[in-house]
All heavy atoms as atom14 arrays in JSON, in Angstrom:
{
  "sequence": "FGVLARALPWASYLQAPADLWLGKDQGWALLGV",
  "atom14_mask": [
    [1, 1, 1, 1, 1, 1, 1, 1, 1, 1, 1, 0, 0, 0],
    [1, 1, 1, 1, 0, 0, 0, 0, 0, 0, 0, 0, 0, 0],
    [1, 1, 1, 1, 1, 1, 1, 0, 0, 0, 0, 0, 0, 0],
    [1, 1, 1, 1, 1, 1, 1, 1, 0, 0, 0, 0, 0, 0],
    [1, 1, 1, 1, 1, 0, 0, 0, 0, 0, 0, 0, 0, 0],
    [1, 1, 1, 1, 1, 1, 1, 1, 1, 1, 1, 0, 0, 0],
    [1, 1, 1, 1, 1, 0, 0, 0, 0, 0, 0, 0, 0, 0],
    [1, 1, 1, 1, 1, 1, 1, 1, 0, 0, 0, 0, 0, 0],
    [1, 1, 1, 1, 1, 1, 1, 0, 0, 0, 0, 0, 0, 0],
    [1, 1, 1, 1, 1, 1, 1, 1, 1, 1, 1, 1, 1, 1],
    [1, 1, 1, 1, 1, 0, 0, 0, 0, 0, 0, 0, 0, 0],
    [1, 1, 1, 1, 1, 1, 0, 0, 0, 0, 0, 0, 0, 0],
    [1, 1, 1, 1, 1, 1, 1, 1, 1, 1, 1, 1, 0, 0],
    [1, 1, 1, 1, 1, 1, 1, 1, 0, 0, 0, 0, 0, 0],
    [1, 1, 1, 1, 1, 1, 1, 1, 1, 0, 0, 0, 0, 0],
    [1, 1, 1, 1, 1, 0, 0, 0, 0, 0, 0, 0, 0, 0],
    [1, 1, 1, 1, 1, 1, 1, 0, 0, 0, 0, 0, 0, 0],
    [1, 1, 1, 1, 1, 0, 0, 0, 0, 0, 0, 0, 0, 0],
    [1, 1, 1, 1, 1, 1, 1, 1, 0, 0, 0, 0, 0, 0],
    [1, 1, 1, 1, 1, 1, 1, 1, 0, 0, 0, 0, 0, 0],
    [1, 1, 1, 1, 1, 1, 1, 1, 1, 1, 1, 1, 1, 1],
    [1, 1, 1, 1, 1, 1, 1, 1, 0, 0, 0, 0, 0, 0],
    [1, 1, 1, 1, 0, 0, 0, 0, 0, 0, 0, 0, 0, 0],
    [1, 1, 1, 1, 1, 1, 1, 1, 1, 0, 0, 0, 0, 0],
    [1, 1, 1, 1, 1, 1, 1, 1, 0, 0, 0, 0, 0, 0],
    [1, 1, 1, 1, 1, 1, 1, 1, 1, 0, 0, 0, 0, 0],
    [1, 1, 1, 1, 0, 0, 0, 0, 0, 0, 0, 0, 0, 0],
    [1, 1, 1, 1, 1, 1, 1, 1, 1, 1, 1, 1, 1, 1],
    [1, 1, 1, 1, 1, 0, 0, 0, 0, 0, 0, 0, 0, 0],
    [1, 1, 1, 1, 1, 1, 1, 1, 0, 0, 0, 0, 0, 0],
    [1, 1, 1, 1, 1, 1, 1, 1, 0, 0, 0, 0, 0, 0],
    [1, 1, 1, 1, 0, 0, 0, 0, 0, 0, 0, 0, 0, 0],
    [1, 1, 1, 1, 1, 1, 1, 0, 0, 0, 0, 0, 0, 0]
  ],
  "atom14_positions": [
    [[6.89, 3.24, -13.01], [7.54, 2.08, -12.4], [7.13, 1.94, -10.94], [6.92, 0.82, -10.44], [9.06, 2.22, -12.52], [9.81, 1.0, -12.04], [9.63, -0.23, -12.65], [10.69, 1.09, -10.98], [10.31, -1.35, -12.21], [11.37, -0.02, -10.54], [11.19, -1.25, -11.15], [0.0, 0.0, 0.0], [0.0, 0.0, 0.0], [0.0, 0.0, 0.0]],
    [[6.98, 3.06, -10.25], [6.53, 3.02, -8.87], [5.1, 2.53, -8.75], [4.77, 1.75, -7.85], [0.0, 0.0, 0.0], [0.0, 0.0, 0.0], [0.0, 0.0, 0.0], [0.0, 0.0, 0.0], [0.0, 0.0, 0.0], [0.0, 0.0, 0.0], [0.0, 0.0, 0.0], [0.0, 0.0, 0.0], [0.0, 0.0, 0.0], [0.0, 0.0, 0.0]],
    [[4.25, 3.0, -9.68], [2.85, 2.55, -9.69], [2.77, 1.05, -9.93], [2.02, 0.32, -9.26], [2.04, 3.31, -10.77], [0.62, 2.74, -10.86], [2.0, 4.8, -10.44], [0.0, 0.0, 0.0], [0.0, 0.0, 0.0], [0.0, 0.0, 0.0], [0.0, 0.0, 0.0], [0.0, 0.0, 0.0], [0.0, 0.0, 0.0], [0.0, 0.0, 0.0]],
    [[3.56, 0.56, -10.89], [3.58, -0.87, -11.2], [4.07, -1.68, -10.0], [3.48, -2.71, -9.65], [4.49, -1.13, -12.4], [4.72, -2.61, -12.76], [3.42, -3.27, -13.14], [5.75, -2.73, -13.89], [0.0, 0.0, 0.0], [0.0, 0.0, 0.0], [0.0, 0.0, 0.0], [0.0, 0.0, 0.0], [0.0, 0.0, 0.0], [0.0, 0.0, 0.0]],
    [[5.15, -1.22, -9.38], [5.73, -1.95, -8.25], [4.72, -2.08, -7.11], [4.62, -3.14, -6.49], [6.99, -1.25, -7.76], [0.0, 0.0, 0.0], [0.0, 0.0, 0.0], [0.0, 0.0, 0.0], [0.0, 0.0, 0.0], [0.0, 0.0, 0.0], [0.0, 0.0, 0.0], [0.0, 0.0, 0.0], [0.0, 0.0, 0.0], [0.0, 0.0, 0.0]],
    [[3.96, -1.03, -6.86], [3.0, -1.07, -5.76], [1.76, -1.88, -6.1], [0.99, -2.25, -5.21], [2.62, 0.35, -5.36], [3.82, 1.16, -4.87], [3.44, 2.5, -4.3], [2.72, 2.37, -3.05], [2.44, 3.38, -2.24], [2.82, 4.6, -2.57], [1.79, 3.19, -1.13], [0.0, 0.0, 0.0], [0.0, 0.0, 0.0], [0.0, 0.0, 0.0]],
    [[1.57, -2.19, -7.39], [0.44, -3.02, -7.8], [0.78, -4.5, -7.8], [-0.11, -5.35, -7.84], [-0.05, -2.6, -9.19], [0.0, 0.0, 0.0], [0.0, 0.0, 0.0], [0.0, 0.0, 0.0], [0.0, 0.0, 0.0], [0.0, 0.0, 0.0], [0.0, 0.0, 0.0], [0.0, 0.0, 0.0], [0.0, 0.0, 0.0], [0.0, 0.0, 0.0]],
    [[2.07, -4.83, -7.77], [2.5, -6.23, -7.8], [2.26, -6.88, -6.43], [2.2, -6.19, -5.4], [3.98, -6.31, -8.17], [4.34, -5.86, -9.6], [5.86, -5.86, -9.78], [3.68, -6.77, -10.61], [0.0, 0.0, 0.0], [0.0, 0.0, 0.0], [0.0, 0.0, 0.0], [0.0, 0.0, 0.0], [0.0, 0.0, 0.0], [0.0, 0.0, 0.0]],
    [[2.15, -8.21, -6.4], [1.82, -8.88, -5.13], [2.86, -8.7, -4.04], [2.52, -8.7, -2.85], [1.68, -10.36, -5.53], [2.41, -10.48, -6.83], [2.22, -9.17, -7.52], [0.0, 0.0, 0.0], [0.0, 0.0, 0.0], [0.0, 0.0, 0.0], [0.0, 0.0, 0.0], [0.0, 0.0, 0.0], [0.0, 0.0, 0.0], [0.0, 0.0, 0.0]],
    [[4.15, -8.53, -4.43], [5.19, -8.42, -3.41], [5.07, -7.14, -2.59], [5.6, -7.09, -1.47], [6.56, -8.48, -4.09], [6.81, -9.81, -4.73], [7.11, -10.99, -4.1], [6.75, -10.09, -6.13], [7.25, -11.98, -5.03], [7.04, -11.48, -6.28], [6.49, -9.33, -7.27], [7.07, -12.11, -7.52], [6.52, -9.94, -8.5], [6.81, -11.32, -8.63]],
    [[4.39, -6.14, -3.1], [4.19, -4.91, -2.31], [3.39, -5.2, -1.05], [3.46, -4.45, -0.07], [3.48, -3.86, -3.16], [0.0, 0.0, 0.0], [0.0, 0.0, 0.0], [0.0, 0.0, 0.0], [0.0, 0.0, 0.0], [0.0, 0.0, 0.0], [0.0, 0.0, 0.0], [0.0, 0.0, 0.0], [0.0, 0.0, 0.0], [0.0, 0.0, 0.0]],
    [[2.62, -6.28, -1.05], [1.84, -6.67, 0.12], [2.74, -7.07, 1.29], [2.31, -7.01, 2.44], [0.91, -7.84, -0.22], [-0.08, -7.47, -1.15], [0.0, 0.0, 0.0], [0.0, 0.0, 0.0], [0.0, 0.0, 0.0], [0.0, 0.0, 0.0], [0.0, 0.0, 0.0], [0.0, 0.0, 0.0], [0.0, 0.0, 0.0], [0.0, 0.0, 0.0]],
    [[3.96, -7.51, 0.99], [4.85, -8.0, 2.04], [5.21, -6.93, 3.06], [5.26, -7.19, 4.25], [6.15, -8.53, 1.44], [6.07, -9.82, 0.67], [4.85, -10.33, 0.2], [7.22, -10.54, 0.38], [4.8, -11.5, -0.52], [7.17, -11.72, -0.35], [5.96, -12.19, -0.8], [5.93, -13.36, -1.51], [0.0, 0.0, 0.0], [0.0, 0.0, 0.0]],
    [[5.49, -5.72, 2.58], [6.0, -4.67, 3.47], [5.39, -3.31, 3.2], [4.89, -2.65, 4.12], [7.53, -4.58, 3.37], [8.21, -3.41, 4.09], [7.83, -3.4, 5.56], [9.72, -3.47, 3.9], [0.0, 0.0, 0.0], [0.0, 0.0, 0.0], [0.0, 0.0, 0.0], [0.0, 0.0, 0.0], [0.0, 0.0, 0.0], [0.0, 0.0, 0.0]],
    [[5.41, -2.86, 1.93], [4.98, -1.5, 1.63], [3.54, -1.25, 2.05], [3.23, -0.21, 2.65], [5.15, -1.21, 0.15], [4.91, 0.25, -0.23], [5.98, 1.18, 0.33], [7.16, 1.02, 0.05], [5.57, 2.15, 1.14], [0.0, 0.0, 0.0], [0.0, 0.0, 0.0], [0.0, 0.0, 0.0], [0.0, 0.0, 0.0], [0.0, 0.0, 0.0]],
    [[2.65, -2.2, 1.75], [1.23, -2.01, 2.08], [0.99, -1.91, 3.58], [0.4, -0.93, 4.06], [0.39, -3.13, 1.47], [0.0, 0.0, 0.0], [0.0, 0.0, 0.0], [0.0, 0.0, 0.0], [0.0, 0.0, 0.0], [0.0, 0.0, 0.0], [0.0, 0.0, 0.0], [0.0, 0.0, 0.0], [0.0, 0.0, 0.0], [0.0, 0.0, 0.0]],
    [[1.44, -2.89, 4.39], [1.22, -2.74, 5.84], [1.96, -1.56, 6.45], [1.46, -0.92, 7.39], [1.71, -4.08, 6.41], [2.53, -4.71, 5.35], [2.0, -4.2, 4.06], [0.0, 0.0, 0.0], [0.0, 0.0, 0.0], [0.0, 0.0, 0.0], [0.0, 0.0, 0.0], [0.0, 0.0, 0.0], [0.0, 0.0, 0.0], [0.0, 0.0, 0.0]],
    [[3.14, -1.23, 5.92], [3.89, -0.1, 6.46], [3.15, 1.21, 6.23], [3.07, 2.06, 7.13], [5.28, -0.03, 5.82], [0.0, 0.0, 0.0], [0.0, 0.0, 0.0], [0.0, 0.0, 0.0], [0.0, 0.0, 0.0], [0.0, 0.0, 0.0], [0.0, 0.0, 0.0], [0.0, 0.0, 0.0], [0.0, 0.0, 0.0], [0.0, 0.0, 0.0]],
    [[2.59, 1.4, 5.04], [1.85, 2.63, 4.76], [0.61, 2.75, 5.64], [0.22, 3.85, 6.04], [1.45, 2.68, 3.29], [2.59, 3.2, 2.4], [3.57, 3.74, 2.96], [2.48, 3.08, 1.17], [0.0, 0.0, 0.0], [0.0, 0.0, 0.0], [0.0, 0.0, 0.0], [0.0, 0.0, 0.0], [0.0, 0.0, 0.0], [0.0, 0.0, 0.0]],
    [[-0.02, 1.62, 5.95], [-1.16, 1.66, 6.86], [-0.7, 2.04, 8.26], [-1.35, 2.85, 8.94], [-1.88, 0.3, 6.88], [-2.56, -0.1, 5.56], [-3.2, -1.48, 5.7], [-3.61, 0.93, 5.16], [0.0, 0.0, 0.0], [0.0, 0.0, 0.0], [0.0, 0.0, 0.0], [0.0, 0.0, 0.0], [0.0, 0.0, 0.0], [0.0, 0.0, 0.0]],
    [[0.39, 1.46, 8.72], [0.94, 1.79, 10.04], [1.26, 3.28, 10.13], [0.97, 3.93, 11.14], [2.2, 0.95, 10.28], [2.95, 1.26, 11.54], [3.7, 2.38, 11.8], [3.04, 0.44, 12.71], [4.27, 2.31, 13.04], [3.88, 1.14, 13.63], [2.52, -0.8, 13.06], [4.19, 0.6, 14.88], [2.84, -1.32, 14.32], [3.65, -0.63, 15.22]],
    [[1.85, 3.82, 9.06], [2.28, 5.22, 9.06], [1.12, 6.19, 8.8], [1.32, 7.41, 8.86], [3.36, 5.43, 8.0], [4.67, 4.67, 8.24], [5.58, 4.79, 7.02], [5.38, 5.18, 9.49], [0.0, 0.0, 0.0], [0.0, 0.0, 0.0], [0.0, 0.0, 0.0], [0.0, 0.0, 0.0], [0.0, 0.0, 0.0], [0.0, 0.0, 0.0]],
    [[-0.05, 5.67, 8.49], [-1.21, 6.53, 8.24], [-1.19, 7.19, 6.88], [-1.89, 8.21, 6.68], [0.0, 0.0, 0.0], [0.0, 0.0, 0.0], [0.0, 0.0, 0.0], [0.0, 0.0, 0.0], [0.0, 0.0, 0.0], [0.0, 0.0, 0.0], [0.0, 0.0, 0.0], [0.0, 0.0, 0.0], [0.0, 0.0, 0.0], [0.0, 0.0, 0.0]],
    [[-0.45, 6.62, 5.92], [-0.39, 7.21, 4.58], [-1.64, 6.91, 3.78], [-1.96, 7.64, 2.83], [0.84, 6.69, 3.83], [2.16, 7.01, 4.53], [2.33, 8.51, 4.73], [3.63, 8.82, 5.43], [3.8, 10.28, 5.68], [0.0, 0.0, 0.0], [0.0, 0.0, 0.0], [0.0, 0.0, 0.0], [0.0, 0.0, 0.0], [0.0, 0.0, 0.0]],
    [[-2.32, 5.83, 4.11], [-3.56, 5.47, 3.42], [-4.71, 5.51, 4.42], [-4.69, 4.79, 5.43], [-3.46, 4.06, 2.82], [-2.4, 3.98, 1.73], [-2.49, 4.79, 0.78], [-1.5, 3.15, 1.84], [0.0, 0.0, 0.0], [0.0, 0.0, 0.0], [0.0, 0.0, 0.0], [0.0, 0.0, 0.0], [0.0, 0.0, 0.0], [0.0, 0.0, 0.0]],
    [[-5.69, 6.34, 4.15], [-6.83, 6.5, 5.05], [-8.13, 6.45, 4.26], [-8.15, 6.67, 3.04], [-6.72, 7.82, 5.82], [-5.46, 7.94, 6.67], [-5.37, 9.27, 7.39], [-6.28, 10.09, 7.35], [-4.25, 9.5, 8.07], [0.0, 0.0, 0.0], [0.0, 0.0, 0.0], [0.0, 0.0, 0.0], [0.0, 0.0, 0.0], [0.0, 0.0, 0.0]],
    [[-9.23, 6.17, 4.95], [-10.54, 6.16, 4.3], [-10.61, 5.14, 3.19], [-10.27, 3.97, 3.35], [0.0, 0.0, 0.0], [0.0, 0.0, 0.0], [0.0, 0.0, 0.0], [0.0, 0.0, 0.0], [0.0, 0.0, 0.0], [0.0, 0.0, 0.0], [0.0, 0.0, 0.0], [0.0, 0.0, 0.0], [0.0, 0.0, 0.0], [0.0, 0.0, 0.0]],
    [[-11.06, 5.6, 2.01], [-11.2, 4.71, 0.86], [-9.85, 4.18, 0.4], [-9.76, 3.05, -0.12], [-11.9, 5.43, -0.29], [-13.35, 5.67, -0.03], [-13.96, 6.86, 0.22], [-14.4, 4.68, 0.0], [-15.31, 6.69, 0.42], [-15.6, 5.37, 0.29], [-14.42, 3.3, -0.17], [-16.82, 4.7, 0.4], [-15.63, 2.63, -0.05], [-16.82, 3.33, 0.22]],
    [[-8.81, 4.97, 0.57], [-7.47, 4.51, 0.18], [-7.04, 3.32, 1.04], [-6.42, 2.37, 0.55], [-6.46, 5.65, 0.31], [0.0, 0.0, 0.0], [0.0, 0.0, 0.0], [0.0, 0.0, 0.0], [0.0, 0.0, 0.0], [0.0, 0.0, 0.0], [0.0, 0.0, 0.0], [0.0, 0.0, 0.0], [0.0, 0.0, 0.0], [0.0, 0.0, 0.0]],
    [[-7.38, 3.37, 2.32], [-7.08, 2.26, 3.22], [-7.79, 0.99, 2.76], [-7.18, -0.09, 2.68], [-7.49, 2.63, 4.65], [-7.23, 1.63, 5.78], [-7.03, 2.38, 7.09], [-8.35, 0.62, 5.92], [0.0, 0.0, 0.0], [0.0, 0.0, 0.0], [0.0, 0.0, 0.0], [0.0, 0.0, 0.0], [0.0, 0.0, 0.0], [0.0, 0.0, 0.0]],
    [[-9.08, 1.13, 2.45], [-9.84, -0.03, 1.97], [-9.29, -0.53, 0.64], [-9.28, -1.74, 0.37], [-11.31, 0.34, 1.83], [-12.06, 0.67, 3.13], [-13.49, 1.08, 2.83], [-12.04, -0.54, 4.07], [0.0, 0.0, 0.0], [0.0, 0.0, 0.0], [0.0, 0.0, 0.0], [0.0, 0.0, 0.0], [0.0, 0.0, 0.0], [0.0, 0.0, 0.0]],
    [[-8.81, 0.4, -0.2], [-8.25, 0.0, -1.48], [-6.99, -0.84, -1.31], [-6.79, -1.81, -2.04], [0.0, 0.0, 0.0], [0.0, 0.0, 0.0], [0.0, 0.0, 0.0], [0.0, 0.0, 0.0], [0.0, 0.0, 0.0], [0.0, 0.0, 0.0], [0.0, 0.0, 0.0], [0.0, 0.0, 0.0], [0.0, 0.0, 0.0], [0.0, 0.0, 0.0]],
    [[-6.14, -0.46, -0.35], [-4.92, -1.23, -0.09], [-5.27, -2.65, 0.35], [-4.72, -3.64, -0.15], [-4.06, -0.53, 0.98], [-2.93, -1.45, 1.45], [-3.49, 0.77, 0.44], [0.0, 0.0, 0.0], [0.0, 0.0, 0.0], [0.0, 0.0, 0.0], [0.0, 0.0, 0.0], [0.0, 0.0, 0.0], [0.0, 0.0, 0.0], [0.0, 0.0, 0.0]]
  ]
}
C-alpha cells in the first residue's frame, strides 16, 4: 500500500519534494523521483 501510494500522482504534492529536501533520495533515486 505504501509503494502504491508513493507511485500515485498525489505523492508529487508533498512526499516527493519533502524526501528530496530531507536527503532521503540521492543519486539515481533522486533522478527517479
